[in-house]
N, C-alpha and C. Protein backbone atom coordinates (compact mmCIF):
# COMPACT_ATOMS: atom_id res chain seq x y z
N MET A 1 258.60 15.20 53.51
CA MET A 1 257.82 14.31 52.67
C MET A 1 258.74 13.48 51.75
N LYS A 2 259.75 14.14 51.19
CA LYS A 2 260.69 13.45 50.30
C LYS A 2 261.40 12.32 51.05
N ASN A 3 261.85 12.59 52.26
CA ASN A 3 262.55 11.57 53.05
C ASN A 3 261.65 10.38 53.34
N LEU A 4 260.40 10.63 53.63
CA LEU A 4 259.45 9.56 53.91
C LEU A 4 259.26 8.67 52.67
N LYS A 5 259.11 9.29 51.51
CA LYS A 5 258.94 8.52 50.28
C LYS A 5 260.20 7.71 49.97
N LEU A 6 261.36 8.31 50.18
CA LEU A 6 262.61 7.58 49.96
C LEU A 6 262.74 6.41 50.91
N GLN A 7 262.33 6.59 52.15
CA GLN A 7 262.36 5.48 53.11
C GLN A 7 261.43 4.37 52.68
N MET A 8 260.25 4.72 52.19
CA MET A 8 259.29 3.72 51.74
C MET A 8 259.84 2.96 50.53
N LEU A 9 260.46 3.67 49.61
CA LEU A 9 261.04 3.02 48.43
C LEU A 9 262.21 2.12 48.81
N THR A 10 263.01 2.57 49.76
CA THR A 10 264.13 1.74 50.23
C THR A 10 263.61 0.46 50.88
N SER A 11 262.55 0.57 51.64
CA SER A 11 261.95 -0.61 52.26
C SER A 11 261.41 -1.56 51.20
N LYS A 12 260.75 -1.01 50.19
CA LYS A 12 260.25 -1.85 49.10
C LYS A 12 261.40 -2.56 48.40
N PHE A 13 262.48 -1.83 48.16
CA PHE A 13 263.64 -2.42 47.50
C PHE A 13 264.20 -3.56 48.33
N GLU A 14 264.32 -3.37 49.61
CA GLU A 14 264.89 -4.41 50.48
C GLU A 14 263.97 -5.62 50.59
N GLU A 15 262.68 -5.41 50.55
CA GLU A 15 261.72 -6.49 50.78
C GLU A 15 261.32 -7.26 49.53
N ILE A 16 261.53 -6.69 48.36
CA ILE A 16 261.05 -7.34 47.13
C ILE A 16 261.78 -8.66 46.90
N ARG A 17 261.02 -9.67 46.53
CA ARG A 17 261.54 -10.99 46.19
C ARG A 17 260.72 -11.50 45.00
N MET A 18 261.36 -12.27 44.17
CA MET A 18 260.65 -12.86 43.05
C MET A 18 259.87 -14.07 43.55
N LEU A 19 258.60 -14.12 43.22
CA LEU A 19 257.75 -15.23 43.63
C LEU A 19 257.96 -16.42 42.71
N GLU A 20 257.68 -17.61 43.21
CA GLU A 20 257.87 -18.84 42.42
C GLU A 20 257.07 -18.82 41.13
N ASP A 21 255.86 -18.29 41.16
CA ASP A 21 255.00 -18.30 39.98
C ASP A 21 255.11 -17.03 39.14
N GLU A 22 256.08 -16.19 39.46
CA GLU A 22 256.28 -14.93 38.77
C GLU A 22 257.37 -15.09 37.70
N SER A 23 257.19 -14.43 36.58
CA SER A 23 258.24 -14.46 35.56
C SER A 23 259.33 -13.47 35.95
N PHE A 24 260.51 -13.68 35.40
CA PHE A 24 261.60 -12.74 35.69
C PHE A 24 261.24 -11.35 35.21
N ASN A 25 260.59 -11.26 34.05
CA ASN A 25 260.21 -9.94 33.52
C ASN A 25 259.27 -9.20 34.46
N GLU A 26 258.30 -9.90 35.02
CA GLU A 26 257.38 -9.27 35.97
C GLU A 26 258.13 -8.75 37.19
N PHE A 27 259.01 -9.58 37.71
CA PHE A 27 259.82 -9.19 38.87
C PHE A 27 260.69 -7.98 38.53
N TYR A 28 261.36 -8.03 37.39
CA TYR A 28 262.28 -6.95 37.03
C TYR A 28 261.55 -5.64 36.79
N VAL A 29 260.37 -5.68 36.21
CA VAL A 29 259.59 -4.45 36.00
C VAL A 29 259.29 -3.80 37.35
N GLU A 30 258.89 -4.61 38.32
CA GLU A 30 258.58 -4.07 39.65
C GLU A 30 259.84 -3.51 40.32
N LEU A 31 260.93 -4.24 40.25
CA LEU A 31 262.18 -3.77 40.84
C LEU A 31 262.67 -2.51 40.14
N ASN A 32 262.63 -2.50 38.83
CA ASN A 32 263.08 -1.33 38.07
C ASN A 32 262.22 -0.10 38.37
N ASP A 33 260.95 -0.29 38.61
CA ASP A 33 260.07 0.81 38.97
C ASP A 33 260.52 1.44 40.30
N ILE A 34 260.90 0.61 41.25
CA ILE A 34 261.39 1.12 42.53
C ILE A 34 262.69 1.89 42.33
N VAL A 35 263.61 1.30 41.58
CA VAL A 35 264.91 1.94 41.33
C VAL A 35 264.72 3.28 40.62
N ASN A 36 263.85 3.31 39.62
CA ASN A 36 263.60 4.56 38.89
C ASN A 36 262.93 5.61 39.77
N SER A 37 262.05 5.18 40.63
CA SER A 37 261.39 6.11 41.55
C SER A 37 262.41 6.74 42.50
N LYS A 38 263.34 5.92 42.98
CA LYS A 38 264.40 6.47 43.84
C LYS A 38 265.27 7.45 43.04
N PHE A 39 265.55 7.13 41.80
CA PHE A 39 266.35 8.01 40.95
C PHE A 39 265.63 9.35 40.77
N ASN A 40 264.32 9.32 40.62
CA ASN A 40 263.54 10.56 40.47
C ASN A 40 263.66 11.46 41.69
N PHE A 41 263.99 10.87 42.84
CA PHE A 41 264.23 11.65 44.05
C PHE A 41 265.73 11.92 44.23
N ARG A 42 266.47 11.75 43.16
CA ARG A 42 267.91 11.99 43.14
C ARG A 42 268.68 11.05 44.08
N ASP A 43 268.20 9.84 44.16
CA ASP A 43 268.85 8.80 44.96
C ASP A 43 269.23 7.67 44.00
N LYS A 44 270.36 7.85 43.32
CA LYS A 44 270.80 6.87 42.32
C LYS A 44 271.41 5.66 43.02
N MET A 45 271.05 4.48 42.53
CA MET A 45 271.58 3.23 43.08
C MET A 45 272.66 2.70 42.15
N GLU A 46 273.72 2.20 42.73
CA GLU A 46 274.81 1.62 41.94
C GLU A 46 274.37 0.28 41.34
N ASP A 47 274.89 -0.01 40.16
CA ASP A 47 274.57 -1.27 39.48
C ASP A 47 274.91 -2.48 40.36
N THR A 48 276.03 -2.41 41.06
CA THR A 48 276.43 -3.56 41.88
C THR A 48 275.39 -3.87 42.94
N ARG A 49 274.79 -2.84 43.51
CA ARG A 49 273.76 -3.07 44.53
C ARG A 49 272.52 -3.72 43.91
N ILE A 50 272.15 -3.26 42.73
CA ILE A 50 270.97 -3.80 42.05
C ILE A 50 271.24 -5.25 41.61
N VAL A 51 272.43 -5.50 41.08
CA VAL A 51 272.79 -6.86 40.65
C VAL A 51 272.72 -7.81 41.83
N ARG A 52 273.32 -7.43 42.95
CA ARG A 52 273.30 -8.30 44.14
C ARG A 52 271.88 -8.50 44.66
N LYS A 53 271.06 -7.47 44.58
CA LYS A 53 269.66 -7.59 45.01
C LYS A 53 268.92 -8.59 44.12
N ILE A 54 269.11 -8.48 42.82
CA ILE A 54 268.45 -9.42 41.90
C ILE A 54 268.87 -10.85 42.23
N LEU A 55 270.16 -11.08 42.38
CA LEU A 55 270.65 -12.43 42.64
C LEU A 55 270.14 -12.99 43.96
N ARG A 56 270.03 -12.15 44.97
CA ARG A 56 269.50 -12.60 46.27
C ARG A 56 268.01 -12.86 46.23
N SER A 57 267.33 -12.27 45.28
CA SER A 57 265.86 -12.31 45.25
C SER A 57 265.28 -13.39 44.36
N LEU A 58 266.13 -14.08 43.63
CA LEU A 58 265.63 -15.09 42.70
C LEU A 58 265.30 -16.40 43.41
N PRO A 59 264.26 -17.08 42.96
CA PRO A 59 263.90 -18.38 43.56
C PRO A 59 264.88 -19.48 43.15
N GLU A 60 264.74 -20.61 43.77
CA GLU A 60 265.65 -21.74 43.62
C GLU A 60 265.82 -22.18 42.16
N ARG A 61 264.81 -22.05 41.36
CA ARG A 61 264.91 -22.51 39.97
C ARG A 61 265.99 -21.74 39.18
N PHE A 62 266.43 -20.60 39.68
CA PHE A 62 267.47 -19.80 39.03
C PHE A 62 268.87 -20.12 39.53
N TRP A 63 269.01 -20.95 40.54
CA TRP A 63 270.31 -21.21 41.13
C TRP A 63 271.35 -21.71 40.13
N PRO A 64 271.01 -22.59 39.18
CA PRO A 64 272.04 -22.98 38.19
C PRO A 64 272.55 -21.79 37.37
N LYS A 65 271.66 -20.89 37.00
CA LYS A 65 272.08 -19.71 36.25
C LYS A 65 272.93 -18.79 37.10
N ILE A 66 272.56 -18.65 38.37
CA ILE A 66 273.34 -17.81 39.29
C ILE A 66 274.75 -18.38 39.43
N THR A 67 274.85 -19.70 39.55
CA THR A 67 276.16 -20.35 39.66
C THR A 67 276.99 -20.09 38.40
N ALA A 68 276.37 -20.16 37.25
CA ALA A 68 277.08 -19.90 36.00
C ALA A 68 277.58 -18.45 35.94
N VAL A 69 276.76 -17.53 36.39
CA VAL A 69 277.17 -16.12 36.42
C VAL A 69 278.33 -15.95 37.39
N GLU A 70 278.25 -16.59 38.56
CA GLU A 70 279.33 -16.49 39.55
C GLU A 70 280.66 -16.96 38.98
N LYS A 71 280.62 -18.00 38.14
CA LYS A 71 281.85 -18.56 37.59
C LYS A 71 282.44 -17.74 36.45
N THR A 72 281.60 -16.94 35.79
CA THR A 72 282.08 -16.22 34.62
C THR A 72 282.19 -14.71 34.81
N LYS A 73 281.55 -14.17 35.82
CA LYS A 73 281.52 -12.71 36.00
C LYS A 73 281.85 -12.34 37.43
N ASP A 74 282.38 -11.13 37.57
CA ASP A 74 282.64 -10.55 38.89
C ASP A 74 281.44 -9.69 39.26
N PHE A 75 280.82 -9.96 40.38
CA PHE A 75 279.62 -9.22 40.79
C PHE A 75 279.88 -7.74 40.99
N ASP A 76 281.13 -7.37 41.18
CA ASP A 76 281.44 -5.95 41.37
C ASP A 76 281.61 -5.20 40.06
N THR A 77 281.67 -5.93 38.95
CA THR A 77 281.84 -5.25 37.66
C THR A 77 280.71 -5.52 36.67
N ILE A 78 279.89 -6.51 36.92
CA ILE A 78 278.79 -6.82 36.00
C ILE A 78 277.71 -5.75 36.09
N HIS A 79 277.16 -5.41 34.95
CA HIS A 79 276.08 -4.43 34.89
C HIS A 79 274.73 -5.15 34.88
N VAL A 80 273.71 -4.45 35.25
CA VAL A 80 272.37 -5.04 35.32
C VAL A 80 271.97 -5.62 33.96
N LYS A 81 272.23 -4.91 32.89
CA LYS A 81 271.84 -5.40 31.55
C LYS A 81 272.56 -6.70 31.21
N GLU A 82 273.82 -6.83 31.62
CA GLU A 82 274.55 -8.08 31.39
C GLU A 82 273.93 -9.22 32.17
N LEU A 83 273.58 -8.95 33.41
CA LEU A 83 272.96 -9.98 34.25
C LEU A 83 271.64 -10.44 33.64
N ILE A 84 270.84 -9.52 33.19
CA ILE A 84 269.55 -9.86 32.61
C ILE A 84 269.74 -10.74 31.38
N TYR A 85 270.77 -10.48 30.59
CA TYR A 85 271.07 -11.30 29.43
C TYR A 85 271.33 -12.76 29.84
N PHE A 86 272.05 -12.96 30.96
CA PHE A 86 272.35 -14.30 31.44
C PHE A 86 271.12 -15.01 31.98
N LEU A 87 270.19 -14.26 32.52
CA LEU A 87 269.03 -14.88 33.15
C LEU A 87 267.92 -15.11 32.15
């Protein structure tokens, strides 16, 4: 049962995208809920994976901010909280 729930959460994590009419906060709450649920099953996700997922999931209106983050931060060292501050 645990493996099935983890598979479902992993699928949700991979499939989640921010909608055009959705606020970043709404999107992040949903994403964070998935990450926390995986953590509750002792499946901790690295910050770099979450950061890259957020950046891949943002709509076009965020592209200028993503470019600014790319120029100032290394995606392998930035933490989720830092990224949220930029967005």
